[in-house]
Amino acid sequence: MGISKPAALVCLVAAVLSGNALAGDPAVGKSKAATCAGCHGGEGVSGNGLWPNLAGQKEGYLIKQLKDFRDGKRNDPMMSSMAKPLSDDDIANLAAFYSQLK
């Protein structure tokens, strides 16, 4: 029993749309990242072993972590307060910026 053509089309459209939902703008993310640099470094490499490097992390991973901090699923006094005002677009842009760094 295979999948029907309309169901396959719906799955394809959903996959394309969900991929676009992750597509942030690295240039916009870079300007937004100025507040992150104090802990995570200007190029996403932290100078302190207590804070993670963000450079080169996978975009989807960064989006999930920032949303979890923002939405209270993950809690850290500093990160939760930093992530709270971020919109979904802000998060996508930050993730796009940090994921493209080496």
C-alpha atoms as a PDB file:
ATOM      1  CA  MET A   1       0.000   0.000   0.000  1.00  0.00           C
ATOM      2  CA  GLY A   2       1.792   3.104  -1.287  1.00  0.00           C
ATOM      3  CA  ILE A   3       1.252   6.758  -0.561  1.00  0.00           C
ATOM      4  CA  SER A   4      -1.260   8.559  -2.786  1.00  0.00           C
ATOM      5  CA  LYS A   5      -0.103  11.320  -5.133  1.00  0.00           C
ATOM      6  CA  PRO A   6      -2.003  14.047  -3.233  1.00  0.00           C
ATOM      7  CA  ALA A   7      -0.507  12.859   0.077  1.00  0.00           C
ATOM      8  CA  ALA A   8       2.967  12.796  -1.468  1.00  0.00           C
ATOM      9  CA  LEU A   9       2.458  16.331  -2.765  1.00  0.00           C
ATOM     10  CA  VAL A  10       1.382  17.537   0.688  1.00  0.00           C
ATOM     11  CA  CYS A  11       4.488  15.918   2.219  1.00  0.00           C
ATOM     12  CA  LEU A  12       6.720  17.533  -0.393  1.00  0.00           C
ATOM     13  CA  VAL A  13       5.214  20.988   0.157  1.00  0.00           C
ATOM     14  CA  ALA A  14       5.525  20.586   3.937  1.00  0.00           C
ATOM     15  CA  ALA A  15       9.176  19.580   3.601  1.00  0.00           C
ATOM     16  CA  VAL A  16       9.953  22.567   1.390  1.00  0.00           C
ATOM     17  CA  LEU A  17       8.132  24.982   3.674  1.00  0.00           C
ATOM     18  CA  SER A  18       9.765  23.629   6.826  1.00  0.00           C
ATOM     19  CA  GLY A  19      13.183  23.972   5.180  1.00  0.00           C
ATOM     20  CA  ASN A  20      12.428  27.590   4.382  1.00  0.00           C
ATOM     21  CA  ALA A  21      11.410  28.173   7.987  1.00  0.00           C
ATOM     22  CA  LEU A  22      15.027  27.508   8.978  1.00  0.00           C
ATOM     23  CA  ALA A  23      16.441  29.862   6.357  1.00  0.00           C
ATOM     24  CA  GLY A  24      17.693  32.885   8.232  1.00  0.00           C
ATOM     25  CA  ASP A  25      19.786  35.771   6.975  1.00  0.00           C
ATOM     26  CA  PRO A  26      23.400  35.532   8.220  1.00  0.00           C
ATOM     27  CA  ALA A  27      24.024  39.265   7.642  1.00  0.00           C
ATOM     28  CA  VAL A  28      21.062  40.221   9.804  1.00  0.00           C
ATOM     29  CA  GLY A  29      22.122  37.604  12.338  1.00  0.00           C
ATOM     30  CA  LYS A  30      25.610  39.098  12.520  1.00  0.00           C
ATOM     31  CA  SER A  31      24.215  42.496  13.506  1.00  0.00           C
ATOM     32  CA  LYS A  32      21.953  40.854  16.097  1.00  0.00           C
ATOM     33  CA  ALA A  33      24.888  38.795  17.461  1.00  0.00           C
ATOM     34  CA  ALA A  34      26.641  41.816  18.964  1.00  0.00           C
ATOM     35  CA  THR A  35      24.921  41.106  22.293  1.00  0.00           C
ATOM     36  CA  CYS A  36      26.092  37.476  22.167  1.00  0.00           C
ATOM     37  CA  ALA A  37      29.764  38.359  21.642  1.00  0.00           C
ATOM     38  CA  GLY A  38      30.457  39.147  25.297  1.00  0.00           C
ATOM     39  CA  CYS A  39      30.181  35.477  26.222  1.00  0.00           C
ATOM     40  CA  HIS A  40      30.404  33.598  22.922  1.00  0.00           C
ATOM     41  CA  GLY A  41      33.041  35.735  21.177  1.00  0.00           C
ATOM     42  CA  GLY A  42      32.711  38.013  18.172  1.00  0.00           C
ATOM     43  CA  GLU A  43      33.223  35.102  15.784  1.00  0.00           C
ATOM     44  CA  GLY A  44      31.331  32.549  17.873  1.00  0.00           C
ATOM     45  CA  VAL A  45      34.372  31.159  19.692  1.00  0.00           C
ATOM     46  CA  SER A  46      34.175  31.655  23.436  1.00  0.00           C
ATOM     47  CA  GLY A  47      37.223  32.715  25.399  1.00  0.00           C
ATOM     48  CA  ASN A  48      35.800  31.075  28.529  1.00  0.00           C
ATOM     49  CA  GLY A  49      35.475  27.318  28.922  1.00  0.00           C
ATOM     50  CA  LEU A  50      32.151  27.746  30.717  1.00  0.00           C
ATOM     51  CA  TRP A  51      30.397  29.082  27.605  1.00  0.00           C
ATOM     52  CA  PRO A  52      30.011  27.090  24.391  1.00  0.00           C
ATOM     53  CA  ASN A  53      31.402  27.953  20.992  1.00  0.00           C
ATOM     54  CA  LEU A  54      28.584  28.745  18.584  1.00  0.00           C
ATOM     55  CA  ALA A  55      30.638  28.924  15.379  1.00  0.00           C
ATOM     56  CA  GLY A  56      29.924  26.033  13.064  1.00  0.00           C
ATOM     57  CA  GLN A  57      27.054  24.571  15.068  1.00  0.00           C
ATOM     58  CA  LYS A  58      24.197  23.169  12.995  1.00  0.00           C
ATOM     59  CA  GLU A  59      21.514  25.722  12.217  1.00  0.00           C
ATOM     60  CA  GLY A  60      18.634  23.530  13.401  1.00  0.00           C
ATOM     61  CA  TYR A  61      20.421  22.804  16.684  1.00  0.00           C
ATOM     62  CA  LEU A  62      20.962  26.500  17.396  1.00  0.00           C
ATOM     63  CA  ILE A  63      17.329  27.263  16.593  1.00  0.00           C
ATOM     64  CA  LYS A  64      16.112  24.546  18.961  1.00  0.00           C
ATOM     65  CA  GLN A  65      18.370  25.640  21.818  1.00  0.00           C
ATOM     66  CA  LEU A  66      17.473  29.334  21.513  1.00  0.00           C
ATOM     67  CA  LYS A  67      13.751  28.564  21.323  1.00  0.00           C
ATOM     68  CA  ASP A  68      14.052  26.241  24.332  1.00  0.00           C
ATOM     69  CA  PHE A  69      15.736  29.032  26.346  1.00  0.00           C
ATOM     70  CA  ARG A  70      13.180  31.575  25.156  1.00  0.00           C
ATOM     71  CA  ASP A  71      10.175  29.338  25.830  1.00  0.00           C
ATOM     72  CA  GLY A  72      11.346  28.091  29.242  1.00  0.00           C
ATOM     73  CA  LYS A  73      11.995  24.479  28.186  1.00  0.00           C
ATOM     74  CA  ARG A  74      15.644  25.035  29.032  1.00  0.00           C
ATOM     75  CA  ASN A  75      16.690  27.295  31.870  1.00  0.00           C
ATOM     76  CA  ASP A  76      19.818  29.309  32.511  1.00  0.00           C
ATOM     77  CA  PRO A  77      19.589  32.700  34.236  1.00  0.00           C
ATOM     78  CA  MET A  78      21.698  34.483  31.603  1.00  0.00           C
ATOM     79  CA  MET A  79      20.598  32.689  28.441  1.00  0.00           C
ATOM     80  CA  SER A  80      16.918  32.607  29.324  1.00  0.00           C
ATOM     81  CA  SER A  81      16.850  36.369  29.819  1.00  0.00           C
ATOM     82  CA  MET A  82      18.849  36.960  26.619  1.00  0.00           C
ATOM     83  CA  ALA A  83      16.604  34.685  24.530  1.00  0.00           C
ATOM     84  CA  LYS A  84      13.269  35.864  25.957  1.00  0.00           C
ATOM     85  CA  PRO A  85      12.828  38.892  23.645  1.00  0.00           C
ATOM     86  CA  LEU A  86      13.965  37.055  20.471  1.00  0.00           C
ATOM     87  CA  SER A  87      11.427  36.522  17.695  1.00  0.00           C
ATOM     88  CA  ASP A  88      11.460  33.410  15.518  1.00  0.00           C
ATOM     89  CA  ASP A  89      13.070  35.527  12.774  1.00  0.00           C
ATOM     90  CA  ASP A  90      15.770  36.768  15.179  1.00  0.00           C
ATOM     91  CA  ILE A  91      16.543  33.172  16.147  1.00  0.00           C
ATOM     92  CA  ALA A  92      16.671  31.999  12.522  1.00  0.00           C
ATOM     93  CA  ASN A  93      19.010  34.870  11.627  1.00  0.00           C
ATOM     94  CA  LEU A  94      21.325  34.211  14.569  1.00  0.00           C
ATOM     95  CA  ALA A  95      21.418  30.500  13.761  1.00  0.00           C
ATOM     96  CA  ALA A  96      22.192  31.251  10.099  1.00  0.00           C
ATOM     97  CA  PHE A  97      25.062  33.528  11.130  1.00  0.00           C
ATOM     98  CA  TYR A  98      26.687  31.202  13.649  1.00  0.00           C
ATOM     99  CA  SER A  99      26.228  28.060  11.551  1.00  0.00           C
ATOM    100  CA  GLN A 100      28.170  29.533   8.632  1.00  0.00           C
ATOM    101  CA  LEU A 101      31.188  30.479  10.775  1.00  0.00           C
ATOM    102  CA  LYS A 102      34.207  28.188  10.925  1.00  0.00           C
END
